[in-house]
């Protein structure tokens, strides 16, 4: 699984690109001023 890193501004600008990557099994580490603040992960079947 690949982990991408994106600051909030980049994520806002290219959200659909990052969501497409997450749908493909990747994850996104969201940073604010280079400090990690959140992570976007694909849902598991038992999450629904």
C-alpha atoms as a PDB file:
ATOM      1  CA  UNK A   1       0.000   0.000   0.000  1.00  0.00           C
ATOM      2  CA  UNK A   2       1.418   3.384  -0.968  1.00  0.00           C
ATOM      3  CA  UNK A   3       1.164   6.342   1.395  1.00  0.00           C
ATOM      4  CA  UNK A   4       1.042   9.776  -0.220  1.00  0.00           C
ATOM      5  CA  UNK A   5       1.751  12.930   1.741  1.00  0.00           C
ATOM      6  CA  UNK A   6      -0.188  16.128   1.017  1.00  0.00           C
ATOM      7  CA  UNK A   7      -0.512  19.475   2.718  1.00  0.00           C
ATOM      8  CA  UNK A   8      -4.001  20.869   3.144  1.00  0.00           C
ATOM      9  CA  UNK A   9      -3.728  23.335   0.243  1.00  0.00           C
ATOM     10  CA  UNK A  10      -2.552  20.614  -2.153  1.00  0.00           C
ATOM     11  CA  UNK A  11      -5.309  18.292  -0.956  1.00  0.00           C
ATOM     12  CA  UNK A  12      -7.986  20.945  -1.511  1.00  0.00           C
ATOM     13  CA  UNK A  13      -6.729  21.615  -5.026  1.00  0.00           C
ATOM     14  CA  UNK A  14      -6.422  17.960  -6.082  1.00  0.00           C
ATOM     15  CA  UNK A  15      -8.905  16.120  -3.842  1.00  0.00           C
ATOM     16  CA  UNK A  16     -10.348  13.951  -6.615  1.00  0.00           C
ATOM     17  CA  UNK A  17      -6.839  12.735  -7.543  1.00  0.00           C
ATOM     18  CA  UNK A  18      -6.128  11.723  -3.938  1.00  0.00           C
ATOM     19  CA  UNK A  19      -9.526  10.033  -3.533  1.00  0.00           C
ATOM     20  CA  UNK A  20      -8.856   8.030  -6.695  1.00  0.00           C
ATOM     21  CA  UNK A  21      -5.577   6.828  -5.179  1.00  0.00           C
ATOM     22  CA  UNK A  22      -7.302   5.850  -1.927  1.00  0.00           C
ATOM     23  CA  UNK A  23      -9.953   3.939  -3.878  1.00  0.00           C
ATOM     24  CA  UNK A  24      -7.068   2.037  -5.459  1.00  0.00           C
ATOM     25  CA  UNK A  25      -5.823   0.937  -2.037  1.00  0.00           C
ATOM     26  CA  UNK A  26      -3.459   3.768  -1.116  1.00  0.00           C
ATOM     27  CA  UNK A  27      -3.661   6.216   1.754  1.00  0.00           C
ATOM     28  CA  UNK A  28      -2.976   9.923   2.228  1.00  0.00           C
ATOM     29  CA  UNK A  29      -1.188  11.515   5.152  1.00  0.00           C
ATOM     30  CA  UNK A  30      -2.501  15.075   5.505  1.00  0.00           C
ATOM     31  CA  UNK A  31      -0.104  17.676   6.862  1.00  0.00           C
ATOM     32  CA  UNK A  32      -0.386  21.258   8.047  1.00  0.00           C
ATOM     33  CA  UNK A  33       2.929  23.124   7.932  1.00  0.00           C
ATOM     34  CA  UNK A  34       4.638  19.737   7.502  1.00  0.00           C
ATOM     35  CA  UNK A  35       3.076  18.356  10.702  1.00  0.00           C
ATOM     36  CA  UNK A  36       0.848  15.285  10.208  1.00  0.00           C
ATOM     37  CA  UNK A  37      -2.747  16.003  11.277  1.00  0.00           C
ATOM     38  CA  UNK A  38      -4.885  13.281   9.661  1.00  0.00           C
ATOM     39  CA  UNK A  39      -4.857  10.233   7.421  1.00  0.00           C
ATOM     40  CA  UNK A  40      -7.291   9.134   4.700  1.00  0.00           C
ATOM     41  CA  UNK A  41      -7.593   5.361   4.372  1.00  0.00           C
ATOM     42  CA  UNK A  42      -9.781   3.124   2.190  1.00  0.00           C
ATOM     43  CA  UNK A  43     -12.852   1.694   3.907  1.00  0.00           C
ATOM     44  CA  UNK A  44     -12.892  -1.972   4.800  1.00  0.00           C
ATOM     45  CA  UNK A  45     -16.013  -4.054   4.144  1.00  0.00           C
ATOM     46  CA  UNK A  46     -16.803  -4.201   7.890  1.00  0.00           C
ATOM     47  CA  UNK A  47     -16.679  -0.361   8.093  1.00  0.00           C
ATOM     48  CA  UNK A  48     -19.970  -0.073   6.232  1.00  0.00           C
END
